[in-house]
Amino acid sequence: CRSTIHGSGFYIGDPNLMLAIMGPKVTSYLTEGPAAEKAAERLGSIERGTKIMVEHMTVFPTCSFLPGVNTIRTWHPRGPNEVEVWAFTVVDADAPDDIKEEFRRQTLRTFSAGGVFEQ
């Protein structure tokens, strides 16, 4: 975890947290499967392509994303003390249908309006 005067953030390179959040299918796809191979080819090494598992990022002030979990949030101020949040899940268009379905299920379970992390 790193903290600065501008806020804080984190990244975790251990796949166990990703495994707990996204399950074995998605974790395997991102760390050993076609997505990992494509990232390794593009970035020049398998370690670079698979090391960052879970993190949070914000492009101040209105766009946040969670790489690995692949969710994007846009924050829309609607008045004093009120913000509307639009949430999206991004999945590789080349991913197999079962991986796309697993992303959908796991993000609904964790990072959706009814998910365990959005309560």
C-alpha atoms as a PDB file:
ATOM      1  CA  CYS A   1       0.000   0.000   0.000  1.00  0.00           C
ATOM      2  CA  ARG A   2       1.292   3.446  -0.811  1.00  0.00           C
ATOM      3  CA  SER A   3      -0.033   6.644   0.693  1.00  0.00           C
ATOM      4  CA  THR A   4       0.674  10.167  -0.534  1.00  0.00           C
ATOM      5  CA  ILE A   5      -0.778  13.590   0.065  1.00  0.00           C
ATOM      6  CA  HIS A   6      -3.020  12.897  -2.924  1.00  0.00           C
ATOM      7  CA  GLY A   7      -4.599   9.706  -1.550  1.00  0.00           C
ATOM      8  CA  SER A   8      -3.653   6.083  -1.381  1.00  0.00           C
ATOM      9  CA  GLY A   9      -3.745   2.985  -3.487  1.00  0.00           C
ATOM     10  CA  PHE A  10      -2.602  -0.590  -3.579  1.00  0.00           C
ATOM     11  CA  TYR A  11      -1.658  -3.460  -5.793  1.00  0.00           C
ATOM     12  CA  ILE A  12      -1.311  -7.099  -4.895  1.00  0.00           C
ATOM     13  CA  GLY A  13       0.787  -9.411  -7.048  1.00  0.00           C
ATOM     14  CA  ASP A  14      -0.341 -12.562  -5.250  1.00  0.00           C
ATOM     15  CA  PRO A  15      -2.962 -14.458  -7.278  1.00  0.00           C
ATOM     16  CA  ASN A  16      -4.711 -15.749  -4.118  1.00  0.00           C
ATOM     17  CA  LEU A  17      -6.782 -12.574  -3.725  1.00  0.00           C
ATOM     18  CA  MET A  18      -7.773 -12.730  -7.391  1.00  0.00           C
ATOM     19  CA  LEU A  19      -8.675 -16.388  -6.854  1.00  0.00           C
ATOM     20  CA  ALA A  20     -10.935 -15.442  -3.922  1.00  0.00           C
ATOM     21  CA  ILE A  21     -12.647 -12.649  -5.867  1.00  0.00           C
ATOM     22  CA  MET A  22     -12.901 -13.999  -9.412  1.00  0.00           C
ATOM     23  CA  GLY A  23     -12.625 -17.764  -8.931  1.00  0.00           C
ATOM     24  CA  PRO A  24     -10.316 -20.350 -10.488  1.00  0.00           C
ATOM     25  CA  LYS A  25     -11.471 -20.086 -14.128  1.00  0.00           C
ATOM     26  CA  VAL A  26     -10.822 -16.364 -14.507  1.00  0.00           C
ATOM     27  CA  THR A  27      -7.629 -16.454 -12.426  1.00  0.00           C
ATOM     28  CA  SER A  28      -6.239 -19.282 -14.540  1.00  0.00           C
ATOM     29  CA  TYR A  29      -7.240 -17.489 -17.750  1.00  0.00           C
ATOM     30  CA  LEU A  30      -5.428 -14.316 -16.636  1.00  0.00           C
ATOM     31  CA  THR A  31      -2.311 -15.989 -15.192  1.00  0.00           C
ATOM     32  CA  GLU A  32      -1.749 -19.085 -17.358  1.00  0.00           C
ATOM     33  CA  GLY A  33      -4.116 -18.983 -20.317  1.00  0.00           C
ATOM     34  CA  PRO A  34      -4.422 -17.031 -23.548  1.00  0.00           C
ATOM     35  CA  ALA A  35      -4.730 -13.653 -21.797  1.00  0.00           C
ATOM     36  CA  ALA A  36      -1.421 -14.231 -19.975  1.00  0.00           C
ATOM     37  CA  GLU A  37       0.264 -15.335 -23.198  1.00  0.00           C
ATOM     38  CA  LYS A  38      -1.010 -12.256 -25.050  1.00  0.00           C
ATOM     39  CA  ALA A  39       0.141  -9.959 -22.215  1.00  0.00           C
ATOM     40  CA  ALA A  40       3.568 -11.635 -22.109  1.00  0.00           C
ATOM     41  CA  GLU A  41       3.993 -11.213 -25.853  1.00  0.00           C
ATOM     42  CA  ARG A  42       2.935  -7.576 -25.720  1.00  0.00           C
ATOM     43  CA  LEU A  43       4.927  -6.650 -22.592  1.00  0.00           C
ATOM     44  CA  GLY A  44       8.001  -8.759 -23.257  1.00  0.00           C
ATOM     45  CA  SER A  45       7.813 -11.195 -20.330  1.00  0.00           C
ATOM     46  CA  ILE A  46       5.340 -13.529 -18.672  1.00  0.00           C
ATOM     47  CA  GLU A  47       6.064 -11.972 -15.278  1.00  0.00           C
ATOM     48  CA  ARG A  48       5.046  -8.498 -16.430  1.00  0.00           C
ATOM     49  CA  GLY A  49       1.889  -9.868 -17.989  1.00  0.00           C
ATOM     50  CA  THR A  50       0.734 -11.753 -14.914  1.00  0.00           C
ATOM     51  CA  LYS A  51       2.258 -10.023 -11.873  1.00  0.00           C
ATOM     52  CA  ILE A  52      -0.336  -7.367 -11.106  1.00  0.00           C
ATOM     53  CA  MET A  53      -3.414  -9.244  -9.955  1.00  0.00           C
ATOM     54  CA  VAL A  54      -5.573  -6.840  -7.986  1.00  0.00           C
ATOM     55  CA  GLU A  55      -5.308  -3.087  -7.614  1.00  0.00           C
ATOM     56  CA  HIS A  56      -7.406   0.015  -7.710  1.00  0.00           C
ATOM     57  CA  MET A  57      -6.843   3.123  -9.779  1.00  0.00           C
ATOM     58  CA  THR A  58      -8.634   6.426 -10.208  1.00  0.00           C
ATOM     59  CA  VAL A  59      -8.248   9.050 -12.887  1.00  0.00           C
ATOM     60  CA  PHE A  60      -9.364  11.973 -10.752  1.00  0.00           C
ATOM     61  CA  PRO A  61     -12.076  12.935 -10.331  1.00  0.00           C
ATOM     62  CA  THR A  62     -14.596  10.770 -12.146  1.00  0.00           C
ATOM     63  CA  CYS A  63     -13.194   7.480 -13.421  1.00  0.00           C
ATOM     64  CA  SER A  64     -12.028   4.488 -11.385  1.00  0.00           C
ATOM     65  CA  PHE A  65     -11.049   1.011 -12.449  1.00  0.00           C
ATOM     66  CA  LEU A  66      -9.989  -2.300 -10.955  1.00  0.00           C
ATOM     67  CA  PRO A  67      -7.562  -4.132 -13.256  1.00  0.00           C
ATOM     68  CA  GLY A  68      -7.831  -7.905 -12.994  1.00  0.00           C
ATOM     69  CA  VAL A  69     -11.402  -7.671 -11.799  1.00  0.00           C
ATOM     70  CA  ASN A  70     -11.914  -5.469 -14.877  1.00  0.00           C
ATOM     71  CA  THR A  71     -14.557  -3.133 -13.544  1.00  0.00           C
ATOM     72  CA  ILE A  72     -14.799   0.543 -14.454  1.00  0.00           C
ATOM     73  CA  ARG A  73     -16.760   3.150 -12.504  1.00  0.00           C
ATOM     74  CA  THR A  74     -17.684   6.636 -13.602  1.00  0.00           C
ATOM     75  CA  TRP A  75     -18.769   9.009 -10.857  1.00  0.00           C
ATOM     76  CA  HIS A  76     -21.445  11.588 -11.701  1.00  0.00           C
ATOM     77  CA  PRO A  77     -22.107  14.302  -9.091  1.00  0.00           C
ATOM     78  CA  ARG A  78     -25.862  14.871  -8.829  1.00  0.00           C
ATOM     79  CA  GLY A  79     -25.910  17.566  -6.173  1.00  0.00           C
ATOM     80  CA  PRO A  80     -24.646  18.176  -2.662  1.00  0.00           C
ATOM     81  CA  ASN A  81     -23.899  14.853  -0.940  1.00  0.00           C
ATOM     82  CA  GLU A  82     -25.153  12.814  -3.898  1.00  0.00           C
ATOM     83  CA  VAL A  83     -23.247  10.875  -6.552  1.00  0.00           C
ATOM     84  CA  GLU A  84     -24.538   8.529  -9.239  1.00  0.00           C
ATOM     85  CA  VAL A  85     -22.176   5.681 -10.121  1.00  0.00           C
ATOM     86  CA  TRP A  86     -22.185   3.914 -13.462  1.00  0.00           C
ATOM     87  CA  ALA A  87     -20.458   0.521 -13.377  1.00  0.00           C
ATOM     88  CA  PHE A  88     -19.109  -1.535 -16.257  1.00  0.00           C
ATOM     89  CA  THR A  89     -17.271  -4.837 -16.561  1.00  0.00           C
ATOM     90  CA  VAL A  90     -14.738  -5.198 -19.361  1.00  0.00           C
ATOM     91  CA  VAL A  91     -13.912  -8.620 -20.792  1.00  0.00           C
ATOM     92  CA  ASP A  92     -11.519  -9.505 -23.595  1.00  0.00           C
ATOM     93  CA  ALA A  93     -13.548  -9.908 -26.789  1.00  0.00           C
ATOM     94  CA  ASP A  94     -11.396 -12.921 -27.688  1.00  0.00           C
ATOM     95  CA  ALA A  95     -12.108 -14.682 -24.379  1.00  0.00           C
ATOM     96  CA  PRO A  96     -14.015 -17.963 -24.603  1.00  0.00           C
ATOM     97  CA  ASP A  97     -17.719 -17.800 -23.768  1.00  0.00           C
ATOM     98  CA  ASP A  98     -17.252 -19.680 -20.479  1.00  0.00           C
ATOM     99  CA  ILE A  99     -14.692 -17.069 -19.323  1.00  0.00           C
ATOM    100  CA  LYS A 100     -17.038 -14.220 -20.299  1.00  0.00           C
ATOM    101  CA  GLU A 101     -19.831 -15.900 -18.341  1.00  0.00           C
ATOM    102  CA  GLU A 102     -17.538 -16.408 -15.336  1.00  0.00           C
ATOM    103  CA  PHE A 103     -16.535 -12.713 -15.366  1.00  0.00           C
ATOM    104  CA  ARG A 104     -20.238 -11.814 -15.424  1.00  0.00           C
ATOM    105  CA  ARG A 105     -21.108 -14.143 -12.533  1.00  0.00           C
ATOM    106  CA  GLN A 106     -18.160 -13.185 -10.350  1.00  0.00           C
ATOM    107  CA  THR A 107     -18.555  -9.432 -10.816  1.00  0.00           C
ATOM    108  CA  LEU A 108     -22.269  -9.730 -10.037  1.00  0.00           C
ATOM    109  CA  ARG A 109     -21.332 -11.640  -6.883  1.00  0.00           C
ATOM    110  CA  THR A 110     -18.650  -9.177  -5.770  1.00  0.00           C
ATOM    111  CA  PHE A 111     -18.600  -5.744  -7.446  1.00  0.00           C
ATOM    112  CA  SER A 112     -22.226  -5.047  -8.374  1.00  0.00           C
ATOM    113  CA  ALA A 113     -24.975  -3.182  -6.545  1.00  0.00           C
ATOM    114  CA  GLY A 114     -25.856  -6.393  -4.689  1.00  0.00           C
ATOM    115  CA  GLY A 115     -22.284  -7.702  -4.486  1.00  0.00           C
ATOM    116  CA  VAL A 116     -20.432  -8.345  -1.256  1.00  0.00           C
ATOM    117  CA  PHE A 117     -18.005  -5.428  -1.811  1.00  0.00           C
ATOM    118  CA  GLU A 118     -20.590  -2.823  -2.851  1.00  0.00           C
ATOM    119  CA  GLN A 119     -22.879  -2.967   0.185  1.00  0.00           C
END
